[in-house]
Amino acid sequence: RGSVSRIRELVEAMKRRNAELEEENDSLRSRGDTLETDIRVALAERDDAHERKDEMCSERDAAIKEHDKVKMKLDKLAAELEADCETMRSKVDIVTTENKRLEDRIAILEAGKLSFEN
């Protein structure tokens, strides 16, 4: 009868221990589920951040291309403007020389006219 009583005590102790372990297991499962949810959220946020970064890189690359394209156009316009200015300087020099030649001719003609009149 003593050993039956001892076995019953051991069975009860095992039941209590089993109940404690089940509670601990449930608690750990709950924590595990929470951690899995947190991990999924963190991974989704990471993926969103990578997507935004990729979009920003694409926008930056497009902006750089546009900047380079505009810079090339400006360089071309500057070269054309410089060539046009050089052409205009040359034309101004020609007109100035022609004007000076005509003024000299007018001065000669006026001098001739004055000497003829006298």
Protein backbone atom coordinates (compact mmCIF):
# COMPACT_ATOMS: atom_id res chain seq x y z
CA ARG A 1 0.00 0.00 0.00
CA GLY A 2 2.91 2.35 0.64
CA SER A 3 4.35 1.75 -2.82
CA VAL A 4 0.92 2.36 -4.45
CA SER A 5 0.72 5.60 -2.53
CA ARG A 6 4.25 6.49 -3.60
CA ILE A 7 3.40 5.71 -7.23
CA ARG A 8 0.29 7.89 -6.99
CA GLU A 9 2.42 10.75 -5.60
CA LEU A 10 4.89 10.30 -8.42
CA VAL A 11 2.09 10.22 -10.99
CA GLU A 12 0.59 13.40 -9.50
CA ALA A 13 4.01 15.07 -9.46
CA MET A 14 4.52 14.03 -13.09
CA LYS A 15 1.09 15.41 -14.02
CA ARG A 16 1.93 18.72 -12.34
CA ARG A 17 5.33 18.82 -14.05
CA ASN A 18 3.69 17.94 -17.36
CA ALA A 19 1.15 20.77 -16.88
CA GLU A 20 4.00 23.18 -16.09
CA LEU A 21 5.90 22.07 -19.17
CA GLU A 22 2.77 22.43 -21.32
CA GLU A 23 2.29 25.98 -20.01
CA GLU A 24 5.94 26.77 -20.72
CA ASN A 25 5.62 25.19 -24.17
CA ASP A 26 2.49 27.28 -24.90
CA SER A 27 4.31 30.40 -23.73
CA LEU A 28 7.31 29.60 -25.94
CA ARG A 29 5.03 28.89 -28.91
CA SER A 30 3.32 32.23 -28.39
CA ARG A 31 6.68 34.01 -28.21
CA GLY A 32 7.81 32.12 -31.31
CA ASP A 33 4.67 33.16 -33.19
CA THR A 34 5.21 36.78 -32.14
CA LEU A 35 8.84 36.62 -33.28
CA GLU A 36 7.83 35.09 -36.63
CA THR A 37 5.32 37.91 -37.13
CA ASP A 38 7.95 40.50 -36.21
CA ILE A 39 10.39 38.87 -38.66
CA ARG A 40 7.80 38.92 -41.46
CA VAL A 41 7.08 42.60 -40.80
CA ALA A 42 10.80 43.42 -40.70
CA LEU A 43 11.40 41.53 -43.97
CA ALA A 44 8.50 43.33 -45.65
CA GLU A 45 9.87 46.68 -44.46
CA ARG A 46 13.33 45.73 -45.72
CA ASP A 47 11.91 44.73 -49.11
CA ASP A 48 9.99 48.02 -49.31
CA ALA A 49 13.15 49.95 -48.42
CA HIS A 50 15.09 48.10 -51.15
CA GLU A 51 12.34 48.86 -53.65
CA ARG A 52 12.34 52.57 -52.71
CA LYS A 53 16.14 52.61 -52.95
CA ASP A 54 16.00 51.00 -56.40
CA GLU A 55 13.41 53.56 -57.53
CA MET A 56 15.54 56.40 -56.20
CA CYS A 57 18.61 54.99 -57.97
CA SER A 58 16.65 54.77 -61.21
CA GLU A 59 15.43 58.36 -60.79
CA ARG A 60 18.97 59.48 -59.98
CA ASP A 61 20.36 57.69 -63.05
CA ALA A 62 17.68 59.28 -65.24
CA ALA A 63 18.47 62.71 -63.76
CA ILE A 64 22.19 62.20 -64.42
CA LYS A 65 21.48 61.21 -68.02
CA GLU A 66 19.23 64.24 -68.47
CA HIS A 67 21.88 66.47 -66.89
CA ASP A 68 24.55 65.10 -69.23
CA LYS A 69 22.24 65.53 -72.23
CA VAL A 70 21.48 69.16 -71.30
CA LYS A 71 25.17 69.82 -70.64
CA MET A 72 26.07 68.50 -74.10
CA LYS A 73 23.41 70.74 -75.65
CA LEU A 74 24.72 73.74 -73.71
CA ASP A 75 28.29 72.96 -74.75
CA LYS A 76 27.17 72.72 -78.38
CA LEU A 77 25.25 76.01 -78.11
CA ALA A 78 28.26 77.67 -76.47
CA ALA A 79 30.53 76.47 -79.29
CA GLU A 80 28.03 77.71 -81.89
CA LEU A 81 27.70 81.05 -80.10
CA GLU A 82 31.48 81.42 -79.94
CA ALA A 83 31.74 80.65 -83.67
CA ASP A 84 28.94 83.14 -84.41
CA CYS A 85 30.70 85.79 -82.29
CA GLU A 86 33.95 85.17 -84.14
CA THR A 87 32.10 85.48 -87.46
CA MET A 88 30.47 88.71 -86.28
CA ARG A 89 33.86 90.10 -85.11
CA SER A 90 35.29 89.29 -88.50
CA LYS A 91 32.34 90.97 -90.26
CA VAL A 92 32.62 94.00 -87.96
CA ASP A 93 36.34 94.22 -88.77
CA ILE A 94 35.55 94.04 -92.49
CA VAL A 95 32.82 96.70 -92.19
CA THR A 96 35.09 98.90 -90.02
CA THR A 97 37.90 98.59 -92.58
CA GLU A 98 35.48 99.33 -95.43
CA ASN A 99 34.06 102.28 -93.47
CA LYS A 100 37.55 103.64 -92.85
CA ARG A 101 38.40 103.22 -96.55
CA LEU A 102 35.21 105.06 -97.53
CA GLU A 103 35.90 107.85 -95.00
CA ASP A 104 39.40 108.21 -96.43
CA ARG A 105 37.94 108.36 -99.96
CA ILE A 106 35.36 110.92 -98.87
CA ALA A 107 38.13 113.00 -97.28
CA ILE A 108 40.13 112.82 -100.55
CA LEU A 109 37.06 113.73 -102.60
CA GLU A 110 36.20 116.64 -100.30
CA ALA A 111 39.79 117.85 -100.46
CA GLY A 112 39.67 117.58 -104.23
CA LYS A 113 36.36 119.45 -104.29
CA LEU A 114 37.79 122.23 -102.12
CA SER A 115 40.84 122.57 -104.34
CA PHE A 116 38.66 122.55 -107.44
CA GLU A 117 36.38 125.22 -105.99
CA ASN A 118 39.30 127.46 -105.16
